[in-house]
Protein backbone atom coordinates (compact mmCIF):
# COMPACT_ATOMS: atom_id res chain seq x y z
CA MET A 1 114.86 147.77 64.75
CA ASP A 2 111.27 148.92 65.07
CA GLU A 3 108.74 146.46 66.42
CA GLU A 4 105.06 146.62 65.76
CA ALA A 5 102.72 146.54 68.73
CA ILE A 6 99.26 145.17 69.13
CA ASP A 7 96.66 146.40 71.61
CA LEU A 8 95.96 143.40 73.81
CA LYS A 9 93.43 145.15 76.06
CA PRO A 10 90.32 144.56 73.87
CA ILE A 11 91.37 140.94 73.29
CA PHE A 12 91.63 140.33 77.03
CA HIS A 13 88.37 142.19 77.68
CA LYS A 14 86.42 140.01 75.24
CA SER A 15 87.93 136.74 76.46
CA PHE A 16 87.57 137.60 80.16
CA ASN A 17 83.96 138.69 79.94
CA GLU A 18 82.97 135.68 77.87
CA SER A 19 84.49 133.47 80.57
CA ILE A 20 82.64 135.34 83.35
CA LEU A 21 79.32 134.94 81.50
CA SER A 22 80.00 131.23 81.01
CA LEU A 23 80.81 130.79 84.70
CA SER A 24 77.68 132.64 85.75
CA SER A 25 75.61 130.33 83.56
CA LYS A 26 77.23 127.23 85.04
CA ILE A 27 76.63 128.49 88.57
CA SER A 28 72.98 129.23 87.79
CA ASN A 29 72.57 125.68 86.51
CA LEU A 30 74.06 124.01 89.60
CA THR A 31 70.63 123.30 91.05
CA SER A 32 69.71 121.27 87.98
CA VAL A 33 72.86 119.12 88.20
CA ARG A 34 72.52 115.71 89.82
CA SER A 35 73.62 115.79 93.44
CA SER A 36 76.26 113.14 92.75
CA GLN A 37 77.82 115.40 90.12
CA GLN A 38 77.50 118.76 91.88
CA GLN A 39 80.90 118.64 93.58
CA THR A 40 82.57 117.97 90.23
CA ALA A 41 80.71 120.89 88.67
CA ILE A 42 81.72 123.15 91.57
CA SER A 43 85.35 122.07 91.24
CA ASP A 44 85.26 122.89 87.52
CA VAL A 45 84.03 126.41 88.28
CA LEU A 46 86.65 126.87 91.00
CA SER A 47 89.35 125.75 88.60
CA LYS A 48 88.21 128.24 85.96
CA ILE A 49 88.17 131.05 88.52
CA SER A 50 91.77 130.17 89.36
CA GLU A 51 92.66 130.23 85.65
CA LEU A 52 91.12 133.67 85.23
CA THR A 53 92.99 134.91 88.28
CA LEU A 54 96.29 133.80 86.74
CA GLU A 55 95.37 135.30 83.37
CA LEU A 56 94.60 138.63 85.04
CA LYS A 57 97.95 138.50 86.80
CA ASP A 58 99.69 137.82 83.48
CA ALA A 59 97.90 140.76 81.87
CA SER A 60 98.86 143.22 84.61
CA ASN A 61 101.83 144.48 82.58
CA TYR A 62 99.59 146.02 79.91
CA LEU A 63 96.24 146.59 81.65
CA PRO A 64 95.65 149.98 83.32
CA ALA A 65 95.26 149.87 87.09
CA TYR A 66 91.59 150.83 86.84
CA ASP A 67 90.84 147.98 84.43
CA GLN A 68 92.63 145.52 86.70
CA LYS A 69 90.47 146.67 89.59
CA VAL A 70 87.29 146.20 87.53
CA TYR A 71 88.27 142.67 86.49
CA SER A 72 89.27 141.86 90.06
CA GLU A 73 85.85 142.98 91.29
CA GLN A 74 84.21 140.74 88.67
CA LEU A 75 86.17 137.78 89.99
CA LYS A 76 85.12 138.59 93.55
CA ALA A 77 81.48 138.86 92.45
CA ILE A 78 81.52 135.52 90.61
CA THR A 79 83.22 133.94 93.62
CA GLU A 80 80.48 135.22 95.92
CA GLU A 81 77.87 134.01 93.44
CA LEU A 82 79.39 130.54 93.65
CA ASN A 83 79.47 130.64 97.47
CA VAL A 84 75.77 131.44 97.55
CA ALA A 85 75.00 128.66 95.08
CA ARG A 86 77.05 126.16 97.09
CA LYS A 87 75.01 126.92 100.19
CA SER A 88 71.76 126.41 98.29
CA VAL A 89 72.78 122.96 97.02
CA ALA A 90 74.43 121.82 100.27
CA PRO A 91 72.73 118.79 101.89
CA ARG A 92 69.94 119.84 104.23
CA SER A 93 70.41 119.10 107.91
CA LYS A 94 68.41 116.23 109.34
CA PHE A 95 65.70 117.10 111.87
CA SER A 96 64.58 114.85 114.67
CA PHE A 97 62.55 115.37 117.84
CA LYS A 98 64.19 115.10 121.22
CA ASN A 99 62.99 115.08 124.83
CA ARG A 100 63.23 118.28 126.76
CA ARG A 101 65.79 118.06 129.50
CA THR A 102 66.92 120.55 132.09
CA GLY A 103 70.14 121.05 133.95
CA SER A 104 73.75 120.51 133.02
CA SER A 105 73.35 116.73 132.99
CA ALA A 106 70.92 116.99 130.08
CA ALA A 107 73.30 119.26 128.21
CA SER A 108 76.17 116.88 128.87
CA ALA A 109 74.16 113.89 127.72
CA SER A 110 73.10 115.59 124.54
CA SER A 111 76.70 116.48 123.74
CA ASP A 112 77.62 112.79 123.87
CA THR A 113 74.95 111.80 121.38
CA THR A 114 74.04 112.81 117.86
CA PRO A 115 72.54 116.30 117.97
CA ALA A 116 68.87 116.49 117.19
CA ILE A 117 69.49 119.26 114.69
CA SER A 118 72.89 119.23 112.98
CA THR A 119 73.99 122.50 111.45
CA PRO A 120 75.87 121.95 108.19
CA ARG A 121 79.33 123.43 107.94
CA GLU A 122 79.48 126.38 105.59
CA PRO A 123 81.80 125.99 102.65
CA ALA A 124 85.20 127.53 103.13
CA PRO A 125 85.56 130.88 101.38
CA ILE A 126 87.14 130.83 97.93
CA PRO A 127 90.39 132.79 97.64
CA SER A 128 89.96 136.17 96.00
CA SER A 129 91.99 137.27 93.01
CA SER A 130 94.59 138.79 95.30
CA SER A 131 95.25 135.63 97.32
CA THR A 132 98.48 133.67 96.96
CA SER A 133 99.64 130.25 98.08
CA THR A 134 103.12 129.00 98.88
CA SER A 135 102.06 125.58 100.13
CA THR A 136 99.18 123.18 99.84
CA SER A 137 96.10 125.22 100.64
CA THR A 138 92.84 123.61 101.73
CA SER A 139 90.70 126.72 101.43
CA SER A 140 87.81 126.63 98.96
CA ASN A 141 87.97 122.81 98.82
CA LEU A 142 90.30 123.20 95.84
CA GLN A 143 93.91 122.74 96.88
CA THR A 144 97.10 123.99 95.32
CA ILE A 145 100.04 121.61 95.37
CA SER A 146 103.18 123.72 95.69
CA LEU A 147 106.90 123.13 95.45
CA THR A 148 108.86 126.22 96.42
CA SER A 149 112.30 127.46 97.51
CA LEU A 150 114.30 124.33 96.64
CA THR A 151 117.95 124.02 95.60
CA SER A 152 119.80 120.98 94.17
CA THR A 153 116.78 118.75 94.74
CA HIS A 154 115.32 115.85 92.74
CA THR A 155 111.65 115.50 93.70
CA THR A 156 108.17 114.63 92.49
CA PRO A 157 104.93 116.50 93.34
CA PRO A 158 102.05 114.50 94.81
CA PRO A 159 99.53 113.24 92.23
CA PRO A 160 96.41 115.34 91.59
CA THR A 161 93.08 114.50 93.20
CA PRO A 162 89.57 115.87 92.57
CA GLN A 163 90.32 118.50 95.23
CA SER A 164 93.94 119.28 94.25
CA THR A 165 94.12 120.22 90.58
CA ILE A 166 96.43 123.26 90.65
CA LEU A 167 100.22 122.83 90.50
CA SER A 168 102.53 125.65 91.57
CA LEU A 169 106.34 125.69 91.26
CA SER A 170 108.44 128.65 92.36
CA SER A 171 111.99 129.62 93.32
CA LEU A 172 113.73 126.43 92.19
CA THR A 173 117.46 126.34 91.45
CA SER A 174 119.43 123.37 90.06
CA CYS A 175 116.47 121.05 90.59
CA ILE A 176 114.99 118.10 88.74
CA ILE A 177 111.20 117.81 88.95
CA THR A 178 109.62 114.63 87.59
CA PRO A 179 105.93 113.67 87.38
CA PRO A 180 104.24 111.22 89.76
CA PRO A 181 103.97 107.60 88.52
CA PRO A 182 101.09 106.83 86.11
CA SER A 183 97.93 105.60 87.80
CA SER A 184 94.51 104.32 86.84
CA SER A 185 92.99 107.56 88.16
CA SER A 186 91.49 109.97 85.64
CA ASN A 187 92.54 113.01 87.69
CA TYR A 188 94.79 115.62 86.06
CA PHE A 189 96.11 119.02 87.01
CA THR A 190 93.96 121.66 85.36
CA THR A 191 96.31 124.62 85.84
CA THR A 192 99.95 125.27 86.58
CA SER A 193 101.76 128.43 87.64
CA ILE A 194 105.56 128.42 87.43
CA ASN A 195 107.80 131.27 88.51
CA THR A 196 111.51 131.94 89.05
CA ILE A 197 113.26 128.77 87.86
CA LYS A 198 117.03 128.63 87.33
CA SER A 199 119.25 125.87 85.91
CA SER A 200 116.63 123.17 86.40
CA ILE A 201 114.88 120.37 84.51
CA LEU A 202 111.08 120.30 84.85
CA ILE A 203 109.16 117.31 83.53
CA LEU A 204 105.61 118.20 84.45
CA PRO A 205 102.55 115.96 84.71
CA LYS A 206 99.83 116.54 82.12
CA ILE A 207 98.04 119.90 82.44
CA THR A 208 94.54 119.89 80.92
CA GLY A 209 94.21 123.69 81.04
CA PRO A 210 96.57 126.67 80.92
CA ALA A 211 100.22 126.91 81.91
CA HIS A 212 101.42 130.32 83.13
CA LEU A 213 105.21 130.55 83.25
CA THR A 214 107.37 133.51 84.29
CA SER A 215 111.12 133.95 84.67
CA LEU A 216 112.59 130.61 83.62
CA LYS A 217 116.34 130.84 83.00
CA ASN A 218 118.86 128.33 81.61
CA SER A 219 116.48 125.41 82.08
CA VAL A 220 114.68 122.53 80.34
CA LEU A 221 110.88 122.25 80.42
CA VAL A 222 108.71 119.33 79.33
CA ILE A 223 105.00 120.10 79.32
CA SER A 224 101.69 119.02 77.80
CA CYS A 225 98.97 121.63 78.21
CA HIS A 226 96.00 123.31 76.54
CA GLN A 227 97.36 126.88 76.73
CA PHE A 228 100.99 127.93 77.05
CA ARG A 229 102.01 131.45 78.15
CA LEU A 230 105.67 132.21 78.78
CA HIS A 231 106.97 135.55 80.06
CA ASP A 232 110.33 137.12 80.90
CA SER A 233 112.39 133.99 80.20
CA ASN A 234 115.62 133.23 78.40
CA ASP A 235 117.87 130.30 77.44
CA LEU A 236 115.06 127.78 77.79
CA ASP A 237 114.52 124.49 75.95
CA VAL A 238 110.83 123.55 75.80
CA TYR A 239 109.56 120.12 74.79
CA LEU A 240 105.95 120.99 74.21
CA ARG A 241 102.53 119.62 73.33
CA CYS A 242 99.87 122.31 73.14
CA ARG A 243 96.40 122.40 71.60
CA SER A 244 96.37 126.16 71.15
CA ARG A 245 98.99 128.54 69.78
CA PRO A 246 101.68 129.07 72.44
CA ILE A 247 102.41 132.66 73.48
CA ILE A 248 105.74 134.13 74.55
CA GLU A 249 106.46 137.68 75.69
CA ARG A 250 109.72 139.42 76.60
CA CYS A 251 111.67 136.20 75.98
CA LYS A 252 114.99 135.40 74.29
CA GLY A 253 116.85 132.22 73.46
CA ILE A 254 113.77 129.96 73.52
CA ARG A 255 114.24 126.64 71.70
CA VAL A 256 111.24 124.32 71.19
CA SER A 257 110.56 120.75 70.13
CA PHE A 258 107.67 118.32 70.15
CA LEU A 259 107.08 116.06 73.14
CA PRO A 260 109.58 113.15 73.26
CA GLU A 261 107.96 109.79 72.60
CA VAL A 262 109.58 108.28 75.69
CA LEU A 263 107.79 110.82 77.92
CA LYS A 264 104.26 110.69 76.47
CA THR A 265 103.12 107.74 78.57
CA VAL A 266 104.73 109.23 81.67
CA LEU A 267 102.90 112.54 81.25
CA ASP A 268 99.56 111.11 80.14
CA GLY A 269 99.35 108.55 82.92
CA GLY A 270 98.16 105.83 80.54
CA ASP A 271 95.61 108.08 78.80
CA ASN A 272 97.02 107.44 75.34
CA LYS A 273 95.28 109.73 72.87
CA GLU A 274 98.21 110.84 70.79
CA GLU A 275 96.52 109.79 67.52
CA ASP A 276 93.67 112.21 68.21
CA GLU A 277 96.06 114.95 69.26
CA VAL A 278 98.56 114.90 66.39
CA GLU A 279 96.73 117.40 64.19
CA GLU A 280 95.80 119.54 67.19
CA ASP A 281 99.37 119.89 68.45
CA LYS A 282 100.54 123.47 67.82
CA TRP A 283 103.90 123.19 69.59
CA ASN A 284 105.76 125.14 66.87
CA GLN A 285 103.07 127.75 66.03
CA ILE A 286 104.33 130.26 68.56
CA ASP A 287 103.05 133.84 68.78
CA ASP A 288 105.74 136.21 70.03
CA PHE A 289 104.02 139.35 71.33
CA ASN A 290 107.30 141.26 70.97
CA TRP A 291 107.74 140.33 67.31
CA LEU A 292 104.63 140.82 65.24
CA LYS A 293 106.21 141.48 61.85
CA GLU A 294 104.38 139.47 59.25
CA GLY A 295 106.47 137.15 57.12
CA ARG A 296 109.60 137.52 59.26
CA PRO A 297 110.48 134.89 61.89
CA SER A 298 111.01 136.01 65.46
CA PRO A 299 114.66 136.07 66.58
CA ASN A 300 113.53 135.17 70.10
CA TRP A 301 112.71 131.50 69.48
CA ARG A 302 113.52 128.66 67.12
CA VAL A 303 113.02 124.90 66.72
CA LEU A 304 115.60 122.60 68.31
CA GLU A 305 117.89 120.81 65.88
CA GLU A 306 117.94 117.01 66.16
CA GLU A 307 121.50 116.95 67.52
CA GLU A 308 120.54 119.51 70.20
CA LYS A 309 117.76 117.40 71.71
CA ILE A 310 118.09 115.26 74.81
CA GLY A 311 118.14 111.59 73.81
CA ARG A 312 115.90 108.76 74.98
CA GLU A 313 118.53 107.14 77.20
CA MET A 314 119.20 110.39 79.02
CA TRP A 315 115.48 111.04 79.56
CA GLU A 316 115.17 107.61 81.15
CA ARG A 317 118.09 108.39 83.47
CA VAL A 318 116.56 111.73 84.45
CA LEU A 319 113.33 109.95 85.41
CA GLU A 320 115.10 107.56 87.79
CA ASP A 321 114.79 108.12 91.52
CA ASN A 322 118.51 108.55 92.10
CA SER A 323 120.68 111.40 90.86
CA GLY A 324 118.97 111.04 87.48
CA VAL A 325 121.78 112.24 85.24
CA GLY A 326 124.71 110.37 86.75
CA ASP A 327 128.20 111.65 86.06
CA VAL A 328 127.00 113.90 83.25
CA GLY A 329 125.52 116.30 85.78
CA ILE A 330 122.48 118.48 85.31
CA SER A 331 124.51 121.20 83.60
CA GLY A 332 125.25 118.87 80.71
CA LEU A 333 121.58 118.85 79.72
CA LEU A 334 120.87 122.56 80.05
CA PRO A 335 120.86 125.03 77.11
């Protein structure tokens, strides 16, 4: 059966360059932002750079090597631009006069007191587009919370903070991942990257930006995000809330449903805006990049039937801190 193809390169080029121009503008305007809000503005730019890095990685399967190098260089340039801007808005060191002293005793005394001139610490370098993280990374003042290489584990990632807004999950087998308890904090993960998941149940905390997912097999995923991009996956049930059209590529056996009511409060952390989001939710408006025939549904995904969905009682058991699914076992909930 012949499949039509679409050239994604110009689409990526337009989107990527618009994002770079927007970032450059935000960086240029950092000096006009109130000092109390500068760190938040910097974190927003760092988060967007991380998003673009993941998007470039996702696009590597159809972008020529030369184009990838050009985009990578643009990311490095915008990163350096941000580093320079951060230095310019960093608090100035305080200057005070001190008495001249000679000898080692003077040097020793001065080391035990506040230095007359304190040199500010330079910001840590931001990871380049080629950097990876397998654990919580403190570089660039924007941390990645990672769960990796786990088997038969029921665990919860730490909650996000203003400095840790990226969630990474990789190499999980027969695991149950549940979100941290709701809190009064307004912090959310802005990006998630998920890779190589087998026979697991993932109930993720709310993601305000993109979700990049690769190689999920025979699993259940619950996610609320702004952008959803799924690659190289099969036999996956997705309970989804998404404000843009979800994208799948090289996938088979994907079944989707809207976000279960019992999980909305858990994912949103008390930020209940479902009334505003109902008409924006595009959970079932999926674009399959391997099936672009107009008027004919993709054979690679479908909507879950009511009798195929996990029920409220079982969701509540999965969320518990013990074995979660009791004598049913995790396999009883998988596709």
